[in-house]
Amino acid sequence: MENPEMQLQQIDEQEIDLLELFHVLWSKIWLLLASTVLGAVLVGLVTFFFITPQYEASSIIYILSKTTSITSVADLQLGSQLAADFQIIATTREVVQTVMDQFGITIPYEKFVKTITVINPTDSHMLQVTVKNPDPELAAQLSNALSDQLRLQIADVMSTDTPSTVERAVVPAKPSSPNLLLNCVAGALAFLVLASGTVLAQHFMDDTIKDEEDVQKYLGLNTLAAIPLEHDREVGKKAGKQQKTKAKAK
């Protein structure tokens, strides 16, 4: 078991080290602030000029058909169980490729399907079909087309009536991504951390002894006297000038 005095000494040393790191960072506060501003500005410019805004439009369908009795507990339970299956059907090649051909979309199926999100809201018998696209009008049209095609596919698979549409997708007014403010904050924090890490790394790599505190800390020796080197240099320069002046006067 460690001596309590040694534990207190370790705590004191740790506090001193933390204070030292704080002073190191504080001595470079302007560099850290400049790095933070630079990171926010650079990321903001990249986001604004080089990242294409994406718009999301969503439509909703009710997965139970008109002939299903909603008063039947068995029917409601069946609808909940089928919701997961219909989520998979919504992104099958047959459904998606039909919509792609309808709008003349020529990108690969694997790439286009990544822009589609189909979710089943908790404790509901509905499917929400969301499409992300740089064109807000096209995003709404694709969402509605996918919902319509999914309704037909569900009716065909289940050999039942076509499910109803709960809500048609509308043209989104604002992009869903990128988030300019969030990206600027993330960029500022990233540059701040990078600058802080650089400052601390330079501090740790500098093993030169600068003052009497470093002598006590790293060598364990007490300083008997300190010679002001810069002062001595100035005194030496002045003495040299005086000697030259006297020599010229003679």
Protein backbone atom coordinates (compact mmCIF):
# COMPACT_ATOMS: atom_id res chain seq x y z
CA MET A 1 0.00 0.00 0.00
CA GLU A 2 1.38 3.39 -1.02
CA ASN A 3 2.35 5.99 1.52
CA PRO A 4 -0.34 8.75 1.81
CA GLU A 5 2.37 11.38 1.48
CA MET A 6 3.51 9.85 -1.81
CA GLN A 7 -0.06 9.81 -3.07
CA LEU A 8 -0.46 13.50 -2.21
CA GLN A 9 2.83 14.25 -3.93
CA GLN A 10 1.65 12.42 -7.08
CA ILE A 11 -1.62 14.37 -7.04
CA ASP A 12 0.29 17.65 -6.66
CA GLU A 13 2.58 16.75 -9.56
CA GLN A 14 -0.42 15.87 -11.72
CA GLU A 15 -2.07 19.19 -10.89
CA ILE A 16 1.13 21.01 -11.71
CA ASP A 17 1.35 19.17 -15.03
CA LEU A 18 -2.24 20.07 -15.88
CA LEU A 19 -1.58 23.69 -14.99
CA GLU A 20 1.56 23.61 -17.10
CA LEU A 21 -0.38 22.27 -20.09
CA PHE A 22 -3.01 24.94 -19.57
CA HIS A 23 -0.35 27.66 -19.56
CA VAL A 24 1.25 26.18 -22.68
CA LEU A 25 -2.07 26.29 -24.51
CA TRP A 26 -2.90 29.74 -23.12
CA SER A 27 0.42 31.09 -24.38
CA LYS A 28 -0.70 30.07 -27.89
CA ILE A 29 -4.29 31.25 -27.51
CA TRP A 30 -4.18 33.42 -30.61
CA LEU A 31 -2.93 30.51 -32.68
CA LEU A 32 -5.72 28.31 -31.33
CA LEU A 33 -8.37 30.96 -32.01
CA ALA A 34 -7.04 31.56 -35.51
CA SER A 35 -7.07 27.81 -36.21
CA THR A 36 -10.65 27.55 -34.96
CA VAL A 37 -11.84 30.38 -37.21
CA LEU A 38 -9.86 29.02 -40.15
CA GLY A 39 -11.40 25.56 -39.72
CA ALA A 40 -14.95 26.95 -39.61
CA VAL A 41 -14.37 29.14 -42.68
CA LEU A 42 -12.68 26.43 -44.76
CA VAL A 43 -15.28 23.77 -44.00
CA GLY A 44 -18.06 26.30 -44.56
CA LEU A 45 -16.67 27.25 -47.98
CA VAL A 46 -16.25 23.60 -48.98
CA THR A 47 -19.80 22.83 -47.84
CA PHE A 48 -21.30 25.82 -49.62
CA PHE A 49 -19.45 25.58 -52.93
CA PHE A 50 -18.52 21.93 -53.39
CA ILE A 51 -21.24 19.83 -51.72
CA THR A 52 -24.48 19.45 -53.68
CA PRO A 53 -27.60 20.05 -51.56
CA GLN A 54 -29.86 17.02 -51.19
CA TYR A 55 -33.64 17.15 -50.81
CA GLU A 56 -35.84 14.50 -49.20
CA ALA A 57 -39.49 13.82 -50.03
CA SER A 58 -41.67 11.21 -48.30
CA SER A 59 -44.94 9.48 -49.11
CA ILE A 60 -46.92 7.13 -46.85
CA ILE A 61 -49.06 4.10 -47.67
CA TYR A 62 -51.33 1.96 -45.49
CA ILE A 63 -50.32 -1.66 -45.93
CA LEU A 64 -53.74 -3.20 -45.13
CA SER A 65 -56.17 -3.36 -48.06
CA LYS A 66 -59.73 -2.07 -48.13
CA THR A 67 -61.10 -5.59 -47.74
CA THR A 68 -59.18 -6.20 -44.51
CA SER A 69 -61.31 -5.90 -41.42
CA ILE A 70 -59.54 -3.45 -39.11
CA THR A 71 -61.73 -4.67 -36.23
CA SER A 72 -60.02 -8.02 -36.35
CA VAL A 73 -57.12 -8.35 -33.94
CA ALA A 74 -55.66 -11.11 -36.11
CA ASP A 75 -55.68 -8.81 -39.14
CA LEU A 76 -53.92 -6.05 -37.21
CA GLN A 77 -51.27 -8.44 -35.94
CA LEU A 78 -50.79 -9.78 -39.45
CA GLY A 79 -50.34 -6.24 -40.74
CA SER A 80 -47.62 -5.56 -38.19
CA GLN A 81 -45.80 -8.75 -39.14
CA LEU A 82 -46.03 -8.01 -42.87
CA ALA A 83 -44.65 -4.47 -42.51
CA ALA A 84 -41.07 -5.76 -42.34
CA ASP A 85 -41.64 -7.90 -45.44
CA PHE A 86 -43.05 -4.96 -47.38
CA GLN A 87 -40.03 -2.87 -46.43
CA ILE A 88 -37.87 -5.39 -48.27
CA ILE A 89 -40.21 -5.54 -51.24
CA ALA A 90 -40.06 -1.75 -51.60
CA THR A 91 -36.39 -1.84 -52.58
CA THR A 92 -36.41 -4.97 -54.71
CA ARG A 93 -35.06 -4.65 -58.22
CA GLU A 94 -38.49 -5.24 -59.78
CA VAL A 95 -40.05 -2.28 -57.97
CA VAL A 96 -37.11 0.09 -58.20
CA GLN A 97 -36.14 -0.71 -61.78
CA THR A 98 -39.71 -0.05 -62.96
CA VAL A 99 -39.56 3.46 -61.49
CA MET A 100 -36.09 4.03 -62.91
CA ASP A 101 -37.31 3.11 -66.40
CA GLN A 102 -40.33 5.37 -65.94
CA PHE A 103 -38.15 8.42 -65.28
CA GLY A 104 -35.30 7.46 -67.58
CA ILE A 105 -32.77 7.07 -64.76
CA THR A 106 -29.63 5.45 -66.11
CA ILE A 107 -27.45 5.15 -63.01
CA PRO A 108 -26.88 1.62 -61.65
CA TYR A 109 -29.61 0.09 -59.53
CA GLU A 110 -27.20 -0.39 -56.60
CA LYS A 111 -26.43 3.33 -56.54
CA PHE A 112 -30.01 4.52 -56.94
CA VAL A 113 -31.40 2.24 -54.24
CA LYS A 114 -29.09 3.93 -51.70
CA THR A 115 -31.15 7.11 -52.13
CA ILE A 116 -34.31 5.28 -50.99
CA THR A 117 -35.31 4.82 -47.37
CA VAL A 118 -38.35 2.76 -46.37
CA ILE A 119 -39.37 2.71 -42.73
CA ASN A 120 -42.27 1.35 -40.72
CA PRO A 121 -43.20 3.88 -38.01
CA THR A 122 -43.37 2.25 -34.60
CA ASP A 123 -46.67 0.53 -33.74
CA SER A 124 -48.22 1.40 -37.09
CA HIS A 125 -49.40 -0.40 -40.24
CA MET A 126 -47.86 2.15 -42.57
CA LEU A 127 -44.77 2.42 -44.70
CA GLN A 128 -42.99 5.71 -45.30
CA VAL A 129 -41.08 5.88 -48.57
CA THR A 130 -38.41 8.61 -48.64
CA VAL A 131 -36.27 9.53 -51.64
CA LYS A 132 -33.22 11.80 -51.57
CA ASN A 133 -32.29 13.73 -54.71
CA PRO A 134 -30.56 17.00 -55.69
CA ASP A 135 -33.77 18.02 -57.52
CA PRO A 136 -36.60 18.65 -55.01
CA GLU A 137 -39.37 18.14 -57.60
CA LEU A 138 -37.83 14.89 -58.83
CA ALA A 139 -37.47 13.67 -55.23
CA ALA A 140 -41.22 14.10 -54.67
CA GLN A 141 -42.10 12.47 -58.00
CA LEU A 142 -39.84 9.49 -57.33
CA SER A 143 -41.26 8.99 -53.84
CA ASN A 144 -44.84 8.97 -55.16
CA ALA A 145 -43.91 6.66 -58.05
CA LEU A 146 -42.21 4.20 -55.71
CA SER A 147 -45.21 4.23 -53.37
CA ASP A 148 -47.57 3.53 -56.28
CA GLN A 149 -45.40 0.72 -57.58
CA LEU A 150 -45.05 -0.73 -54.08
CA ARG A 151 -48.83 -0.72 -53.64
CA LEU A 152 -49.23 -2.66 -56.89
CA GLN A 153 -46.53 -5.12 -55.88
CA ILE A 154 -48.10 -5.69 -52.45
CA ALA A 155 -51.48 -6.34 -54.06
CA ASP A 156 -49.89 -8.80 -56.47
CA VAL A 157 -47.92 -10.64 -53.77
CA MET A 158 -50.84 -10.79 -51.33
CA SER A 159 -53.50 -11.40 -54.03
CA THR A 160 -55.61 -8.66 -52.50
CA ASP A 161 -56.79 -5.12 -53.15
CA THR A 162 -54.27 -2.35 -53.65
CA PRO A 163 -53.33 -0.71 -50.32
CA SER A 164 -54.38 2.89 -49.81
CA THR A 165 -52.23 6.00 -49.99
CA VAL A 166 -52.15 7.94 -46.74
CA GLU A 167 -50.07 10.89 -47.88
CA ARG A 168 -48.53 11.94 -51.17
CA ALA A 169 -45.03 13.40 -51.23
CA VAL A 170 -44.75 17.15 -51.66
CA VAL A 171 -41.85 19.17 -53.04
CA PRO A 172 -39.47 19.94 -50.14
CA ALA A 173 -38.75 23.63 -49.59
CA LYS A 174 -35.40 23.18 -47.85
CA PRO A 175 -32.52 20.75 -48.40
CA SER A 176 -32.04 18.00 -45.82
CA SER A 177 -28.27 18.08 -46.23
CA PRO A 178 -25.64 19.33 -45.89
CA ASN A 179 -26.06 21.16 -42.59
CA LEU A 180 -23.86 24.24 -43.03
CA LEU A 181 -23.88 25.28 -39.37
CA LEU A 182 -23.13 21.78 -38.09
CA ASN A 183 -20.29 21.34 -40.58
CA CYS A 184 -18.77 24.70 -39.61
CA VAL A 185 -18.87 23.77 -35.92
CA ALA A 186 -17.32 20.37 -36.65
CA GLY A 187 -14.60 21.99 -38.76
CA ALA A 188 -13.83 24.54 -36.04
CA LEU A 189 -13.54 21.84 -33.38
CA ALA A 190 -11.39 19.64 -35.61
CA PHE A 191 -8.92 22.45 -36.35
CA LEU A 192 -8.89 23.47 -32.67
CA VAL A 193 -8.03 19.91 -31.60
CA LEU A 194 -5.38 19.67 -34.33
CA ALA A 195 -3.79 22.97 -33.34
CA SER A 196 -3.87 22.06 -29.63
CA GLY A 197 -2.30 18.69 -30.35
CA THR A 198 0.45 20.34 -32.40
CA VAL A 199 1.23 22.87 -29.65
CA LEU A 200 1.36 20.16 -26.97
CA ALA A 201 3.47 17.87 -29.16
CA GLN A 202 6.02 20.64 -29.69
CA HIS A 203 6.04 21.29 -25.95
CA PHE A 204 6.64 17.63 -25.07
CA MET A 205 9.35 17.23 -27.71
CA ASP A 206 11.24 20.28 -26.43
CA ASP A 207 13.58 18.84 -23.78
CA THR A 208 15.72 21.95 -23.32
CA ILE A 209 16.04 23.47 -19.84
CA LYS A 210 14.92 27.09 -19.91
CA ASP A 211 14.79 28.29 -16.31
CA GLU A 212 15.47 27.35 -12.69
CA GLU A 213 12.09 25.65 -12.42
CA ASP A 214 13.10 23.20 -15.15
CA VAL A 215 16.37 22.51 -13.29
CA GLN A 216 14.44 21.66 -10.13
CA LYS A 217 11.83 19.63 -11.98
CA TYR A 218 13.98 17.55 -14.32
CA LEU A 219 17.35 17.41 -12.52
CA GLY A 220 16.21 17.61 -8.90
CA LEU A 221 18.82 20.27 -8.14
CA ASN A 222 18.43 23.58 -6.39
CA THR A 223 19.48 26.71 -8.25
CA LEU A 224 22.08 28.74 -6.39
CA ALA A 225 22.24 31.67 -8.79
CA ALA A 226 20.92 32.80 -12.15
CA ILE A 227 22.92 34.75 -14.73
CA PRO A 228 20.81 37.03 -16.95
CA LEU A 229 22.41 36.12 -20.26
CA GLU A 230 20.66 38.74 -22.36
CA HIS A 231 21.52 41.47 -19.86
CA ASP A 232 25.17 40.45 -19.92
CA ARG A 233 25.19 40.63 -23.69
CA GLU A 234 23.78 44.13 -23.63
CA VAL A 235 26.33 45.19 -21.02
CA GLY A 236 29.11 43.66 -23.09
CA LYS A 237 27.96 45.49 -26.20
CA LYS A 238 27.84 48.82 -24.39
CA ALA A 239 31.30 48.25 -22.89
CA GLY A 240 32.67 47.42 -26.32
CA LYS A 241 31.22 50.61 -27.80
CA GLN A 242 32.68 52.69 -24.95
CA GLN A 243 36.12 51.19 -25.49
CA LYS A 244 35.96 51.92 -29.23
CA THR A 245 34.91 55.50 -28.47
CA LYS A 246 37.81 55.99 -26.07
CA ALA A 247 40.25 54.50 -28.57
CA LYS A 248 39.10 56.92 -31.26
CA ALA A 249 39.34 59.85 -28.88
CA LYS A 250 43.01 59.03 -28.14
